Structures are given as C-alpha cells and as structure tokens.
Amino acid sequence: MSNIKTFLVIIAAVFTTLPAMSNASAEKHVWQAVEGIYKYSPGDGYASMFVVTNEGVIAIEPVNSQHSTGLLKAIRDVTNKPIRYLLHSHNHLDHSNGGQVFRDAGAKIVAHVEAYEWMKANPNPDLALPDDVWAGSRKDIILGGKTIELHYLGMNHGLGMTVFLLPEEKIAYIADIVTPNRVGFAIMPDFNIKEWTRTLKEIEKMDFTKAIYSHSHAKEPFGNKLDVTKTREFIQDLQSAIMAEFKKGTPFGKIPSTVKLPKYEHWDMYKEWLPLNVWRVMLDMHMGPFPWRPAHAYEVMM
C-alpha cells in the first residue's frame, strides 16, 4: 500500500474510533474531586468541571448543547445555587459550543480574547459569543471564597488556551494539551509542537496534586501532574526518534512507518495514530514550528 493510501486509511480510523473515546461509565457521570469541586463526564469523550460555592456555581467547558444540558442537570442534582460563570478553555468548536444553555441559566460566559476573536470571526449555530473577554496571561475569578486562576500560556494549541487552577484545593483543569494514557490526537491538529512542550514545562511548575482533563484514557477519574510530565516526555521521545531516522538517512516518506516507541505501546491509539503523530512532528521539525503568531498579538485588548 502506498504512503498516501496508508495515510488515508489511518485518517478514516480517526473518525470511526472517536465515538468510543471515553473513560466514563454509563452508570456514573459525576465524580467529586474534593468538597465543592466536581468532574462531569457523560461518556461522550469529554469532561467538564464545576465548582460549587456558597455564592453560586462556576462551570468550565460547555462542549456542545447536549453536553451542556447534561452538565446543567448534573449541577442541579448537586445544588440549586445560581450559576454565575461559564468558562471557556479555548476556541475549538468541539469544546466551545453549547454556551447558550448556561447563558439561559443566568451564567456570564468568559473567554480569553484570542478565543473570542476567533469565535466572532467563525460563527456557529451552537456557539454563544462570550460576555466577558479578558487579555494577558492571568485572570482570577473569586466567588464564595473560592479562587480560580485562569492562566493563558501563549501559543500551544488553538487560540486562547487557558489552564484553570484552584490554588487552595490544588486542583487543575486542563483541556487537550494533556490526554492521559493516549498518544497525540491524530495529526495533532492546531498544535505548535515547540510551544506545546514549553507550555507543559510551565504547567509542571504549577502547584497542583489532582487534575481533571477534558479527555482521558486513564482508568481513574482524576489525574495528576505526572500526566503532564509523561505527555512532555512522549513528545520529546518522538522528536528524538525522528531525528535518529533523519541521521540514518531514512527516506522522508518512510519515517512514519519506521518509528516505533515501545515505551508507549500500552497507550490508547498507539497503533492507529503513532504514524500520524510522526508525520506532524516530522513536518514541524522539517519546516519549522507552525502555526505561529507574534507573542505580543493579544497583550492588550483589541
């Protein structure tokens, strides 16, 4: 089979396997991390987080209207307190749709300006434009004695990617840039590999002991900082393996089928997606990091 045909077959596998990508059981959709902080994952491959305080609720990650409707119900099963905020992690539609469900429930929708500008330029029927837009590298939301730190760490994946940290409880919510127990997503779309690695190093310096990831293939409902480290090591091991093939003089088009990383064979989608991961990282190494934009582009509100 030619390299092109192989590539197309693997791409097809991406879409045929997506519906099964979830670690949530059919019986349980909500897990409590600590008092007042919950993970919601209904079996659609996505996880959201909500924080209950004595002054109201903060929800993170709407995904789409169906997911948000379920998330709202899960919140109402826990508390009748008003929902004050819905927070976006980044711009991609598979994470940012569904916000109107929370706007109708009284929530203020919040996103980084990078994500907002993209959403404004790319309207979608299930996408509700944020009400509160912030810029820079840090914003804190304080509600009912609980603080959520919103950290924008620059280029890595998508636009406006925000890592959420509850410093007192030492809990983080991280979307897309870490997916425990799985190799990189398909062709690693919209990832700047160099900046992704830098971002992971910055997250490793943050003070948290428990993490909720928007996607996870781990058996446990909660992850930790080690998942961040393992993701960074996977990227770096992939780069080293590709570089070794460059030095051997392996033909460019044969490298994706040549590179093997036995250390990660037990990770989900290893067989299906590792060649696609190699293509993406190899092209990044060959052409230079992409996508790219000036770091100062959104230092101030536009």
Protein backbone atom coordinates (compact mmCIF):
# COMPACT_ATOMS: atom_id res chain seq x y z
CA MET A 1 0.00 0.00 0.00
CA SER A 2 1.35 3.45 -0.88
CA ASN A 3 2.16 6.05 1.78
CA ILE A 4 -0.81 8.16 0.64
CA LYS A 5 -3.22 5.22 0.83
CA THR A 6 -1.87 4.29 4.26
CA PHE A 7 -2.34 7.88 5.43
CA LEU A 8 -5.96 7.92 4.22
CA VAL A 9 -6.74 4.60 5.88
CA ILE A 10 -5.42 5.87 9.21
CA ILE A 11 -7.33 9.14 8.86
CA ALA A 12 -10.51 7.12 8.35
CA ALA A 13 -9.73 5.23 11.55
CA VAL A 14 -9.68 8.53 13.44
CA PHE A 15 -13.32 9.18 12.75
CA THR A 16 -14.51 5.61 13.21
CA THR A 17 -12.96 5.40 16.67
CA LEU A 18 -13.97 8.80 18.05
CA PRO A 19 -17.40 7.76 19.45
CA ALA A 20 -15.79 5.17 21.70
CA MET A 21 -13.20 7.53 23.21
CA SER A 22 -14.21 7.88 26.85
CA ASN A 23 -13.27 6.66 30.30
CA ALA A 24 -16.66 7.41 31.86
CA SER A 25 -19.02 4.58 32.68
CA ALA A 26 -22.69 4.53 31.74
CA GLU A 27 -23.59 4.34 35.41
CA LYS A 28 -21.68 7.32 36.74
CA HIS A 29 -21.19 10.72 35.14
CA VAL A 30 -20.15 12.85 38.12
CA TRP A 31 -17.16 12.47 40.44
CA GLN A 32 -16.28 14.70 43.42
CA ALA A 33 -12.63 15.73 43.49
CA VAL A 34 -12.88 17.49 46.85
CA GLU A 35 -15.73 19.23 48.61
CA GLY A 36 -17.44 21.57 46.14
CA ILE A 37 -15.41 20.57 43.04
CA TYR A 38 -16.77 18.05 40.57
CA LYS A 39 -15.93 16.36 37.28
CA TYR A 40 -18.69 15.72 34.75
CA SER A 41 -18.03 13.16 32.00
CA PRO A 42 -21.12 11.56 30.43
CA GLY A 43 -19.42 9.12 28.08
CA ASP A 44 -19.10 11.42 25.05
CA GLY A 45 -15.31 11.61 25.28
CA TYR A 46 -15.30 15.00 27.05
CA ALA A 47 -15.07 16.07 30.68
CA SER A 48 -16.13 19.35 32.24
CA MET A 49 -15.65 20.70 35.74
CA PHE A 50 -17.94 22.65 38.04
CA VAL A 51 -17.23 24.42 41.31
CA VAL A 52 -19.95 24.97 43.90
CA THR A 53 -19.52 27.86 46.33
CA ASN A 54 -21.85 29.49 48.85
CA GLU A 55 -22.47 32.31 46.35
CA GLY A 56 -23.06 30.24 43.24
CA VAL A 57 -21.55 27.88 40.68
CA ILE A 58 -18.71 28.16 38.16
CA ALA A 59 -18.80 25.75 35.21
CA ILE A 60 -15.90 25.03 32.86
CA GLU A 61 -16.20 23.70 29.30
CA PRO A 62 -19.63 23.58 27.59
CA VAL A 63 -18.57 21.27 24.66
CA ASN A 64 -21.97 21.40 22.91
CA SER A 65 -25.64 21.85 23.77
CA GLN A 66 -26.24 18.19 24.54
CA HIS A 67 -23.21 18.00 26.84
CA SER A 68 -24.11 21.33 28.46
CA THR A 69 -27.67 20.24 29.09
CA GLY A 70 -26.37 17.17 30.88
CA LEU A 71 -23.82 19.26 32.78
CA LEU A 72 -26.54 21.67 33.89
CA LYS A 73 -28.65 18.76 35.14
CA ALA A 74 -25.65 17.32 36.98
CA ILE A 75 -25.11 20.68 38.67
CA ARG A 76 -28.78 20.87 39.64
CA ASP A 77 -28.55 17.39 41.15
CA VAL A 78 -25.88 18.79 43.47
CA THR A 79 -27.11 22.32 44.18
CA ASN A 80 -29.81 24.88 43.41
CA LYS A 81 -27.40 27.79 43.82
CA PRO A 82 -27.29 30.22 40.86
CA ILE A 83 -24.81 29.54 38.08
CA ARG A 84 -22.61 32.61 37.87
CA TYR A 85 -19.96 31.77 35.28
CA LEU A 86 -19.25 29.52 32.32
CA LEU A 87 -15.55 29.46 31.45
CA HIS A 88 -14.05 28.50 28.07
CA SER A 89 -10.69 26.74 27.78
CA HIS A 90 -10.08 27.72 24.13
CA ASN A 91 -11.67 28.39 20.76
CA HIS A 92 -12.18 24.99 19.13
CA LEU A 93 -15.83 24.26 18.41
CA ASP A 94 -15.77 20.77 19.87
CA HIS A 95 -15.11 22.43 23.23
CA SER A 96 -16.74 25.85 22.92
CA ASN A 97 -20.22 25.08 21.55
CA GLY A 98 -23.25 24.88 23.82
CA GLY A 99 -22.78 28.06 25.85
CA GLN A 100 -26.34 29.29 25.35
CA VAL A 101 -27.54 26.59 27.73
CA PHE A 102 -25.64 28.31 30.53
CA ARG A 103 -26.46 31.83 29.39
CA ASP A 104 -30.15 30.90 29.62
CA ALA A 105 -29.43 29.63 33.14
CA GLY A 106 -28.03 33.06 34.10
CA ALA A 107 -24.30 32.49 33.69
CA LYS A 108 -21.78 35.01 32.37
CA ILE A 109 -19.66 33.41 29.63
CA VAL A 110 -15.92 34.10 29.90
CA ALA A 111 -13.10 33.52 27.38
CA HIS A 112 -9.64 34.81 26.55
CA VAL A 113 -9.60 37.47 23.85
CA GLU A 114 -7.79 35.16 21.41
CA ALA A 115 -10.59 32.63 21.65
CA TYR A 116 -13.24 35.37 21.48
CA GLU A 117 -11.84 36.92 18.30
CA TRP A 118 -11.79 33.52 16.60
CA MET A 119 -15.35 32.75 17.73
CA LYS A 120 -16.55 36.13 16.47
CA ALA A 121 -14.96 35.52 13.07
CA ASN A 122 -16.23 31.92 12.82
CA PRO A 123 -19.88 31.88 13.92
CA ASN A 124 -21.61 28.56 14.51
CA PRO A 125 -25.28 27.86 15.30
CA ASP A 126 -24.37 26.20 18.61
CA LEU A 127 -21.78 28.80 19.62
CA ALA A 128 -22.64 31.62 22.04
CA LEU A 129 -20.20 34.53 21.99
CA PRO A 130 -18.66 35.22 25.42
CA ASP A 131 -19.90 38.13 27.53
CA ASP A 132 -16.65 38.76 29.42
CA VAL A 133 -13.39 38.86 27.44
CA TRP A 134 -10.00 39.04 29.10
CA ALA A 135 -6.45 39.55 27.85
CA GLY A 136 -2.94 38.97 29.13
CA SER A 137 -1.58 35.94 30.93
CA ARG A 138 -3.69 35.82 34.10
CA LYS A 139 -7.19 36.45 35.37
CA ASP A 140 -8.62 35.43 38.74
CA ILE A 141 -12.28 34.71 39.41
CA ILE A 142 -13.26 34.76 43.08
CA LEU A 143 -16.68 33.53 44.12
CA GLY A 144 -17.89 32.48 47.54
CA GLY A 145 -14.41 32.33 48.99
CA LYS A 146 -13.03 30.13 46.22
CA THR A 147 -10.44 31.37 43.71
CA ILE A 148 -9.98 30.05 40.21
CA GLU A 149 -6.83 31.21 38.45
CA LEU A 150 -7.08 31.46 34.67
CA HIS A 151 -3.64 31.03 33.10
CA TYR A 152 -3.01 31.85 29.44
CA LEU A 153 0.35 30.37 28.48
CA GLY A 154 0.71 31.63 24.92
CA MET A 155 0.89 29.51 21.79
CA ASN A 156 0.44 25.77 22.22
CA HIS A 157 -2.91 24.51 20.91
CA GLY A 158 -5.74 26.52 19.40
CA LEU A 159 -6.31 30.09 20.46
CA GLY A 160 -6.68 31.46 23.96
CA MET A 161 -5.88 28.14 25.61
CA THR A 162 -6.47 28.58 29.32
CA VAL A 163 -5.34 26.35 32.18
CA PHE A 164 -7.51 26.63 35.28
CA LEU A 165 -6.04 26.27 38.76
CA LEU A 166 -7.70 26.26 42.17
CA PRO A 167 -4.66 27.08 44.33
CA GLU A 168 -6.14 26.33 47.74
CA GLU A 169 -7.54 22.96 46.69
CA LYS A 170 -4.54 22.26 44.39
CA ILE A 171 -6.76 21.14 41.52
CA ALA A 172 -6.24 21.92 37.83
CA TYR A 173 -8.50 21.68 34.79
CA ILE A 174 -6.59 21.17 31.53
CA ALA A 175 -8.06 20.78 28.04
CA ASP A 176 -6.50 18.99 25.06
CA ILE A 177 -2.82 19.63 25.76
CA VAL A 178 -2.70 16.61 28.09
CA THR A 179 -4.65 13.41 27.48
CA PRO A 180 -3.52 10.69 29.90
CA ASN A 181 -2.78 7.20 28.52
CA ARG A 182 -3.20 8.13 24.85
CA VAL A 183 -0.77 9.15 22.12
CA GLY A 184 -1.25 12.51 20.39
CA PHE A 185 -4.61 13.17 18.75
CA ALA A 186 -4.43 12.02 15.12
CA ILE A 187 -2.33 14.54 13.13
CA MET A 188 -2.04 16.78 16.22
CA PRO A 189 -4.22 19.49 14.64
CA ASP A 190 -3.53 23.10 15.55
CA PHE A 191 -0.62 22.25 17.86
CA ASN A 192 2.63 24.20 17.79
CA ILE A 193 4.92 21.40 18.95
CA LYS A 194 7.72 23.61 20.30
CA GLU A 195 5.34 25.87 22.21
CA TRP A 196 3.29 22.91 23.41
CA THR A 197 6.41 21.45 25.03
CA ARG A 198 7.27 24.81 26.60
CA THR A 199 3.74 25.10 27.96
CA LEU A 200 3.89 21.65 29.54
CA LYS A 201 7.10 22.63 31.32
CA GLU A 202 5.35 25.70 32.71
CA ILE A 203 2.40 23.63 33.90
CA GLU A 204 4.80 21.24 35.63
CA LYS A 205 5.88 24.19 37.79
CA MET A 206 2.32 24.88 38.94
CA ASP A 207 1.24 23.74 42.39
CA PHE A 208 -1.47 21.10 42.00
CA THR A 209 -1.89 17.49 43.05
CA LYS A 210 -5.08 16.49 41.21
CA ALA A 211 -6.19 17.25 37.65
CA ILE A 212 -9.33 16.99 35.58
CA TYR A 213 -8.52 16.57 31.89
CA SER A 214 -11.02 17.30 29.13
CA HIS A 215 -10.03 13.94 27.61
CA SER A 216 -8.58 10.98 29.46
CA HIS A 217 -7.98 7.31 28.74
CA ALA A 218 -6.91 6.52 32.29
CA LYS A 219 -8.95 4.17 34.47
CA GLU A 220 -9.07 6.64 37.34
CA PRO A 221 -11.43 9.65 37.10
CA PHE A 222 -8.73 12.11 38.18
CA GLY A 223 -5.18 12.61 37.01
CA ASN A 224 -2.19 14.43 38.42
CA LYS A 225 0.92 16.35 37.41
CA LEU A 226 2.70 13.17 36.34
CA ASP A 227 0.35 13.05 33.34
CA VAL A 228 1.77 16.39 32.21
CA THR A 229 5.32 15.09 32.52
CA LYS A 230 4.50 11.90 30.60
CA THR A 231 2.96 13.93 27.77
CA ARG A 232 6.06 16.11 27.51
CA GLU A 233 8.31 13.05 27.53
CA PHE A 234 6.25 11.43 24.77
CA ILE A 235 6.69 14.47 22.52
CA GLN A 236 10.41 14.63 23.22
CA ASP A 237 10.86 10.88 22.68
CA LEU A 238 9.03 11.22 19.37
CA GLN A 239 11.30 14.07 18.31
CA SER A 240 14.41 12.05 19.26
CA ALA A 241 13.23 9.01 17.31
CA ILE A 242 12.54 11.12 14.22
CA MET A 243 15.91 12.84 14.49
CA ALA A 244 17.59 9.44 14.66
CA GLU A 245 15.92 8.49 11.36
CA PHE A 246 16.99 11.80 9.80
CA LYS A 247 20.59 10.99 10.77
CA LYS A 248 20.32 7.47 9.36
CA GLY A 249 19.20 8.88 6.04
CA THR A 250 15.84 7.10 6.13
CA PRO A 251 13.70 8.37 3.22
CA PHE A 252 11.33 11.07 4.44
CA GLY A 253 8.15 9.25 3.44
CA LYS A 254 9.20 6.04 5.17
CA ILE A 255 9.94 7.56 8.57
CA PRO A 256 6.32 7.45 9.84
CA SER A 257 6.14 3.70 9.31
CA THR A 258 9.66 3.17 10.68
CA VAL A 259 9.47 4.99 14.02
CA LYS A 260 8.41 2.80 16.95
CA LEU A 261 8.14 3.81 20.60
CA PRO A 262 7.69 0.57 22.61
CA LYS A 263 7.57 2.60 25.83
CA TYR A 264 4.11 3.81 24.81
CA GLU A 265 2.67 0.67 23.21
CA HIS A 266 0.15 0.36 26.06
CA TRP A 267 -1.28 3.83 25.38
CA ASP A 268 -4.57 4.00 23.52
CA MET A 269 -4.47 4.62 19.74
CA TYR A 270 -0.75 3.77 19.60
CA LYS A 271 -1.09 1.60 16.53
CA GLU A 272 -3.60 3.84 14.74
CA TRP A 273 -2.21 7.29 15.50
CA LEU A 274 1.53 6.99 16.11
CA PRO A 275 2.30 7.24 12.33
CA LEU A 276 0.13 10.37 12.15
CA ASN A 277 1.92 11.81 15.18
CA VAL A 278 5.23 11.15 13.42
CA TRP A 279 4.06 12.92 10.25
CA ARG A 280 3.01 16.00 12.22
CA VAL A 281 6.12 16.27 14.38
CA MET A 282 8.38 15.42 11.44
CA LEU A 283 6.86 18.20 9.34
CA ASP A 284 7.22 20.62 12.23
CA MET A 285 10.90 19.72 12.57
CA HIS A 286 11.44 19.94 8.80
CA MET A 287 9.53 23.15 8.08
CA GLY A 288 9.84 24.97 11.39
CA PRO A 289 7.21 25.41 14.14
CA PHE A 290 3.66 26.10 12.99
CA PRO A 291 1.12 27.57 13.44
CA TRP A 292 2.81 30.75 14.66
CA ARG A 293 1.90 34.33 15.58
CA PRO A 294 3.66 37.16 17.45
CA ALA A 295 3.67 36.62 21.19
CA HIS A 296 2.51 40.20 21.76
CA ALA A 297 -0.53 39.91 19.49
CA TYR A 298 -3.03 39.90 22.35
CA GLU A 299 -1.15 41.55 25.18
CA VAL A 300 -3.78 44.27 25.29
CA MET A 301 -7.47 44.24 24.45
CA MET A 302 -8.18 44.88 20.81
